[in-house]
Amino acid sequence: METLNLLEKLAIKEEREVRSILPIELKMSFFLQNKPINNNDYIDLKNLEKVTTILEVGNIKIFTQMTRSFIHQLGQRVLEKYYNSEYLGNDVFNNANEIYNAVRKDWHFHFNDDRKKMTNYCIKTMTDTNEKLIIKYYEVDNKFILYGIVSDNYKNMNQTVFRNTLMNVIKTKYASFNLEPYQMRQSNKSYFAPIQENFRFNLKHDFHFDIDITVSYGLNNGYKSYSLYMRRYTSKEITDRNNIKQLQKVLYTSVSIEDINKALKAGLTTHIANNIKELLQQNNYRLEEKEITSILNQGAELGLNWRNNPRYHENSNPEDDMKKFLENVFIKILAYCFDFDKKLQLSKSKYYSASQIDKFFQLMRIAQSSERRVYDKIQEFQKIHGNTYYNISEAFREVGTFETAIARPVQRFLIEVGTKFIEEESYLEKCINNNQEILMTGDYSFVDN
């Protein structure tokens, strides 16, 4: 019998275990640390997600925390309907995070201002015959847990259908693109953990960087969307791609130390060679291709999302809408690659002075030891790239990728800064002229390996 992969298991688990119920004669109650929350009790914003909400329908009690998904699904509906708030289509907000932060802030205010009134509004929203909402839930350890709140015309999407459509679109419309899957994993340890899959993506264009595609498959809870992340990375210019391929061939056909050393001497830098040796030792001298990728300089990522939500579908068939999204998404990726490659090449002809670098480091807010690592790497790479923006970018991303002694948030910060030296025109001058502190801005999302 053929073994089911993680995606197939998730699809079957959703189908078997998730139930639906109409919120008829719904009751709501709130608890914090197992104690009932009274109407006059004030809840700090930092404790909001610790609040347990119980949705009671008949003799069924469904539990949930005031998580992002719950506040987004119920709170946005309540606030727009009864408090005249406007989020979607509001020009004030630039992205989904800003919308959620606004919803969360308003929800927190009204939850404390008049909890009884807000509870009634929540029940009215859930039981409104015009809205026709459905509660989805599942059972764990004899306890019912909220899965999501959806409209009655919500249609479940089997995650394997999305994957099959993705592969078929590549095969029929983008035959010149080589999309090769190499890893599938759970993104977290939750009961219904979303599945992520990595693809090696060959565009067959002479770009000066490489990309992988990570697909994060959605859930049928009305909240978790399908996302494609484009992971960009660069290899050192003195490292020939053929040498890496030769190394892969050697490792797949032989595990002798002699052959490995021969491959390591085929043009790879000492730094990368040492990383490979370490990985070889950890894996009994066997190295998977994905691990070779992980030691290359890793840049930022770009997210492209499709949400299985009837309000966003152009027609009543989500499969057709999904196919259209996938057909267009690779056009966007290709256009983005051309644009980024142009910026990358420009960064190699844009120069900086030593005094500018000194001022830039004065504006950074990280440990001096981390600053020293980046500064030393800039001096080292200067012999290869000269006093260029690309040199600074390469140094920041190199340290952010390889220096495991640095805390994870600082690693991401360094990769983000390094990316901005390519993507943002005159980034160095802007920071210096505005006397702007260099902080983590979260402009780039990250998908964990």
Foldseek 3Di string as FASTA:
>chain_A
DDDDDPLQVLLVCCVPFKDKDALPPKDKFKDAPNHGDDFQDADDLVCQQRIWMWIDRPPATAIHGNDLQNLVAQQVQLCVPPVVDDQPPDPVDDDPVSSSVVSSVVCNVVCNVGVVVSRVSSSCSRNPPVQQKMWMWGDDPNHIYTLAIAHPLFDDDRQVLLVVLLVVLCVPPVVQKDWAWDDKDFQDDDPSTWIKTKTFIDNVDPFQKGWIWIWTTAGSRQGGWIKIKIKIFHADPQDDPVLVVCLLVCLVVDQDPVSNVVSLPPRPDPVLSVVLVVVCVVVVSHDDPVSSVLLTQIAFMDMDTDGSHVVPDPDSDVSVVSSVSSNCPVVVVVVVSVVLRVLLVVQLVAFDDPVLVVLLLVQEDDDPVLVVQLVVQLVVCCVPRNRTLLSSLCSLSNCLRPVPVDDVVSSVLSSHVSSCSRVPPPPSVVCNVVVHRRDDDPPGDDRDD
